[in-house]
Amino acid sequence: MTGKFSGLALAVETPARMVIVSPIDGNPLRAADGTEAWIDLLAASGSIGRQHDRERIDRLTRQQARVVTAEAAETDLNDKLAKLTKGWFLVGFDGEPIDVPCTRENARDLYQEPDFAWLRDQAIGFANNLGNFPPAVSKN
């Protein structure tokens, strides 16, 4: 980050690590060896999130009179979240690692399932909370 306002910049283009918290007891999910489960996410307001939002607005503008359904809005949010997801170490409630590669398609599959809404909600909250992203290193 360069420029006259660089001292105000956050590292929104660098993934931050969200520790996955169990909705059952509020504690981090852990593998049997104690390793915490996590998802690396970009900030929703970073360039990837903003580009997704611009594409969505352009798409809606082209559709003009069509009604946007709640289902379409939810699918769009899942797609955005999948784009923001850059890595993970997933663990089941039984402590067993879930060996599924972190790809955009797999992330979309994870976030769209109603059974995993608790995890999707955590990821949305994390990506939208700029406090999770440290100040950017100034190059001035």
C-alpha atoms as a PDB file:
ATOM      1  CA  MET A   1       0.000   0.000   0.000  1.00  0.00           C
ATOM      2  CA  THR A   2       1.403   3.327  -1.045  1.00  0.00           C
ATOM      3  CA  GLY A   3      -0.057   6.782  -1.081  1.00  0.00           C
ATOM      4  CA  LYS A   4      -0.986   9.580   1.212  1.00  0.00           C
ATOM      5  CA  PHE A   5      -3.561   7.508   3.142  1.00  0.00           C
ATOM      6  CA  SER A   6      -1.514   4.322   3.492  1.00  0.00           C
ATOM      7  CA  GLY A   7      -1.349   4.704   7.269  1.00  0.00           C
ATOM      8  CA  LEU A   8      -5.080   3.900   7.389  1.00  0.00           C
ATOM      9  CA  ALA A   9      -4.949   0.738   5.263  1.00  0.00           C
ATOM     10  CA  LEU A  10      -5.983  -2.694   6.480  1.00  0.00           C
ATOM     11  CA  ALA A  11      -4.610  -5.957   5.048  1.00  0.00           C
ATOM     12  CA  VAL A  12      -7.915  -6.904   3.396  1.00  0.00           C
ATOM     13  CA  GLU A  13      -6.108  -8.590   0.486  1.00  0.00           C
ATOM     14  CA  THR A  14      -4.373 -11.042   2.827  1.00  0.00           C
ATOM     15  CA  PRO A  15      -6.383 -13.972   4.210  1.00  0.00           C
ATOM     16  CA  ALA A  16      -6.997 -13.983   7.956  1.00  0.00           C
ATOM     17  CA  ARG A  17      -7.516 -17.164   9.938  1.00  0.00           C
ATOM     18  CA  MET A  18     -10.905 -17.803  11.508  1.00  0.00           C
ATOM     19  CA  VAL A  19     -10.875 -20.488  14.188  1.00  0.00           C
ATOM     20  CA  ILE A  20     -14.048 -22.570  13.805  1.00  0.00           C
ATOM     21  CA  VAL A  21     -16.125 -22.437  16.972  1.00  0.00           C
ATOM     22  CA  SER A  22     -18.575 -25.201  17.850  1.00  0.00           C
ATOM     23  CA  PRO A  23     -22.188 -24.018  17.958  1.00  0.00           C
ATOM     24  CA  ILE A  24     -22.788 -26.610  20.679  1.00  0.00           C
ATOM     25  CA  ASP A  25     -20.408 -25.417  23.396  1.00  0.00           C
ATOM     26  CA  GLY A  26     -18.750 -22.273  21.997  1.00  0.00           C
ATOM     27  CA  ASN A  27     -15.282 -23.826  22.066  1.00  0.00           C
ATOM     28  CA  PRO A  28     -12.960 -24.186  19.067  1.00  0.00           C
ATOM     29  CA  LEU A  29     -13.393 -27.416  17.150  1.00  0.00           C
ATOM     30  CA  ARG A  30     -10.228 -29.468  17.557  1.00  0.00           C
ATOM     31  CA  ALA A  31      -8.706 -32.539  16.008  1.00  0.00           C
ATOM     32  CA  ALA A  32      -7.830 -35.412  18.339  1.00  0.00           C
ATOM     33  CA  ASP A  33      -4.263 -34.060  18.547  1.00  0.00           C
ATOM     34  CA  GLY A  34      -5.555 -30.655  19.738  1.00  0.00           C
ATOM     35  CA  THR A  35      -5.121 -28.768  16.465  1.00  0.00           C
ATOM     36  CA  GLU A  36      -7.851 -26.160  16.022  1.00  0.00           C
ATOM     37  CA  ALA A  37     -10.046 -26.222  12.926  1.00  0.00           C
ATOM     38  CA  TRP A  38      -9.853 -23.067  10.824  1.00  0.00           C
ATOM     39  CA  ILE A  39     -10.825 -21.325   7.604  1.00  0.00           C
ATOM     40  CA  ASP A  40      -8.659 -18.674   5.929  1.00  0.00           C
ATOM     41  CA  LEU A  41     -10.829 -15.866   4.578  1.00  0.00           C
ATOM     42  CA  LEU A  42     -10.352 -12.617   2.729  1.00  0.00           C
ATOM     43  CA  ALA A  43     -12.258  -9.539   3.867  1.00  0.00           C
ATOM     44  CA  ALA A  44     -15.648  -9.111   2.210  1.00  0.00           C
ATOM     45  CA  SER A  45     -14.692  -5.507   1.416  1.00  0.00           C
ATOM     46  CA  GLY A  46     -11.429  -6.433  -0.333  1.00  0.00           C
ATOM     47  CA  SER A  47     -10.989  -6.477  -4.097  1.00  0.00           C
ATOM     48  CA  ILE A  48     -12.432  -9.980  -4.612  1.00  0.00           C
ATOM     49  CA  GLY A  49     -15.537  -9.220  -2.555  1.00  0.00           C
ATOM     50  CA  ARG A  50     -16.036  -5.850  -4.213  1.00  0.00           C
ATOM     51  CA  GLN A  51     -15.612  -7.348  -7.690  1.00  0.00           C
ATOM     52  CA  HIS A  52     -18.211  -9.994  -6.846  1.00  0.00           C
ATOM     53  CA  ASP A  53     -20.622  -7.279  -5.672  1.00  0.00           C
ATOM     54  CA  ARG A  54     -20.077  -5.218  -8.837  1.00  0.00           C
ATOM     55  CA  GLU A  55     -20.717  -8.269 -11.034  1.00  0.00           C
ATOM     56  CA  ARG A  56     -23.911  -8.985  -9.102  1.00  0.00           C
ATOM     57  CA  ILE A  57     -25.153  -5.407  -9.548  1.00  0.00           C
ATOM     58  CA  ASP A  58     -24.309  -5.534 -13.258  1.00  0.00           C
ATOM     59  CA  ARG A  59     -26.168  -8.842 -13.592  1.00  0.00           C
ATOM     60  CA  LEU A  60     -29.230  -7.472 -11.795  1.00  0.00           C
ATOM     61  CA  THR A  61     -29.171  -4.326 -13.922  1.00  0.00           C
ATOM     62  CA  ARG A  62     -29.155  -6.422 -17.106  1.00  0.00           C
ATOM     63  CA  GLN A  63     -32.124  -8.445 -15.826  1.00  0.00           C
ATOM     64  CA  GLN A  64     -34.084  -5.214 -15.238  1.00  0.00           C
ATOM     65  CA  ALA A  65     -37.656  -6.142 -14.340  1.00  0.00           C
ATOM     66  CA  ARG A  66     -36.949  -9.635 -13.021  1.00  0.00           C
ATOM     67  CA  VAL A  67     -37.639 -10.206  -9.383  1.00  0.00           C
ATOM     68  CA  VAL A  68     -34.703 -11.313  -7.255  1.00  0.00           C
ATOM     69  CA  THR A  69     -35.663 -14.256  -5.088  1.00  0.00           C
ATOM     70  CA  ALA A  70     -34.362 -14.959  -1.607  1.00  0.00           C
ATOM     71  CA  GLU A  71     -32.954 -18.211  -2.964  1.00  0.00           C
ATOM     72  CA  ALA A  72     -30.978 -16.353  -5.642  1.00  0.00           C
ATOM     73  CA  ALA A  73     -29.656 -13.878  -3.054  1.00  0.00           C
ATOM     74  CA  GLU A  74     -28.568 -16.754  -0.801  1.00  0.00           C
ATOM     75  CA  THR A  75     -26.847 -18.521  -3.697  1.00  0.00           C
ATOM     76  CA  ASP A  76     -25.046 -15.298  -4.556  1.00  0.00           C
ATOM     77  CA  LEU A  77     -23.865 -14.894  -0.953  1.00  0.00           C
ATOM     78  CA  ASN A  78     -22.594 -18.493  -0.935  1.00  0.00           C
ATOM     79  CA  ASP A  79     -20.720 -17.842  -4.184  1.00  0.00           C
ATOM     80  CA  LYS A  80     -19.114 -14.710  -2.715  1.00  0.00           C
ATOM     81  CA  LEU A  81     -18.120 -16.544   0.440  1.00  0.00           C
ATOM     82  CA  ALA A  82     -16.621 -19.364  -1.645  1.00  0.00           C
ATOM     83  CA  LYS A  83     -14.485 -16.786  -3.488  1.00  0.00           C
ATOM     84  CA  LEU A  84     -13.302 -15.336  -0.170  1.00  0.00           C
ATOM     85  CA  THR A  85     -12.330 -18.767   1.203  1.00  0.00           C
ATOM     86  CA  LYS A  86      -8.631 -19.408   0.595  1.00  0.00           C
ATOM     87  CA  GLY A  87      -7.812 -22.407   2.771  1.00  0.00           C
ATOM     88  CA  TRP A  88      -9.059 -24.610   5.580  1.00  0.00           C
ATOM     89  CA  PHE A  89      -8.458 -27.334   8.074  1.00  0.00           C
ATOM     90  CA  LEU A  90     -11.847 -28.854   8.830  1.00  0.00           C
ATOM     91  CA  VAL A  91     -12.610 -31.132  11.748  1.00  0.00           C
ATOM     92  CA  GLY A  92     -15.849 -32.948  12.557  1.00  0.00           C
ATOM     93  CA  PHE A  93     -17.537 -32.827  15.947  1.00  0.00           C
ATOM     94  CA  ASP A  94     -15.882 -36.192  16.627  1.00  0.00           C
ATOM     95  CA  GLY A  95     -12.394 -34.666  16.306  1.00  0.00           C
ATOM     96  CA  GLU A  96     -11.646 -36.394  13.014  1.00  0.00           C
ATOM     97  CA  PRO A  97     -10.144 -34.226  10.254  1.00  0.00           C
ATOM     98  CA  ILE A  98     -12.287 -33.822   7.145  1.00  0.00           C
ATOM     99  CA  ASP A  99      -9.934 -34.351   4.222  1.00  0.00           C
ATOM    100  CA  VAL A 100     -11.651 -32.326   1.503  1.00  0.00           C
ATOM    101  CA  PRO A 101      -9.497 -29.951  -0.556  1.00  0.00           C
ATOM    102  CA  CYS A 102     -10.273 -26.261  -0.290  1.00  0.00           C
ATOM    103  CA  THR A 103     -11.564 -25.347  -3.739  1.00  0.00           C
ATOM    104  CA  ARG A 104     -14.150 -22.778  -4.719  1.00  0.00           C
ATOM    105  CA  GLU A 105     -16.574 -25.562  -5.656  1.00  0.00           C
ATOM    106  CA  ASN A 106     -16.090 -27.414  -2.357  1.00  0.00           C
ATOM    107  CA  ALA A 107     -16.435 -24.180  -0.397  1.00  0.00           C
ATOM    108  CA  ARG A 108     -19.695 -23.402  -2.205  1.00  0.00           C
ATOM    109  CA  ASP A 109     -20.933 -26.924  -1.436  1.00  0.00           C
ATOM    110  CA  LEU A 110     -20.092 -26.452   2.247  1.00  0.00           C
ATOM    111  CA  TYR A 111     -21.744 -23.058   2.605  1.00  0.00           C
ATOM    112  CA  GLN A 112     -24.940 -23.912   0.740  1.00  0.00           C
ATOM    113  CA  GLU A 113     -25.983 -26.851   2.919  1.00  0.00           C
ATOM    114  CA  PRO A 114     -28.570 -25.958   5.596  1.00  0.00           C
ATOM    115  CA  ASP A 115     -26.920 -28.367   8.054  1.00  0.00           C
ATOM    116  CA  PHE A 116     -23.799 -26.202   7.952  1.00  0.00           C
ATOM    117  CA  ALA A 117     -25.518 -22.804   8.246  1.00  0.00           C
ATOM    118  CA  TRP A 118     -23.796 -22.297  11.602  1.00  0.00           C
ATOM    119  CA  LEU A 119     -20.395 -22.450   9.876  1.00  0.00           C
ATOM    120  CA  ARG A 120     -21.514 -20.225   7.018  1.00  0.00           C
ATOM    121  CA  ASP A 121     -22.765 -17.644   9.521  1.00  0.00           C
ATOM    122  CA  GLN A 122     -19.401 -17.672  11.311  1.00  0.00           C
ATOM    123  CA  ALA A 123     -17.549 -17.183   8.034  1.00  0.00           C
ATOM    124  CA  ILE A 124     -19.842 -14.328   6.936  1.00  0.00           C
ATOM    125  CA  GLY A 125     -19.424 -12.575  10.273  1.00  0.00           C
ATOM    126  CA  PHE A 126     -15.655 -13.003  10.199  1.00  0.00           C
ATOM    127  CA  ALA A 127     -15.226 -11.773   6.604  1.00  0.00           C
ATOM    128  CA  ASN A 128     -17.390  -8.722   7.306  1.00  0.00           C
ATOM    129  CA  ASN A 129     -15.600  -7.757  10.536  1.00  0.00           C
ATOM    130  CA  LEU A 130     -12.659  -5.580   9.522  1.00  0.00           C
ATOM    131  CA  GLY A 131     -11.264  -5.942  13.027  1.00  0.00           C
ATOM    132  CA  ASN A 132     -10.093  -9.398  11.921  1.00  0.00           C
ATOM    133  CA  PHE A 133      -7.696  -7.864   9.402  1.00  0.00           C
ATOM    134  CA  PRO A 134      -4.569  -6.139  10.733  1.00  0.00           C
ATOM    135  CA  PRO A 135      -3.219  -2.817   9.504  1.00  0.00           C
ATOM    136  CA  ALA A 136      -1.424  -3.123   6.179  1.00  0.00           C
ATOM    137  CA  VAL A 137       2.303  -2.603   6.139  1.00  0.00           C
ATOM    138  CA  SER A 138       2.997   0.803   4.670  1.00  0.00           C
ATOM    139  CA  LYS A 139       5.658   1.076   1.939  1.00  0.00           C
ATOM    140  CA  ASN A 140       6.238   4.783   2.552  1.00  0.00           C
END
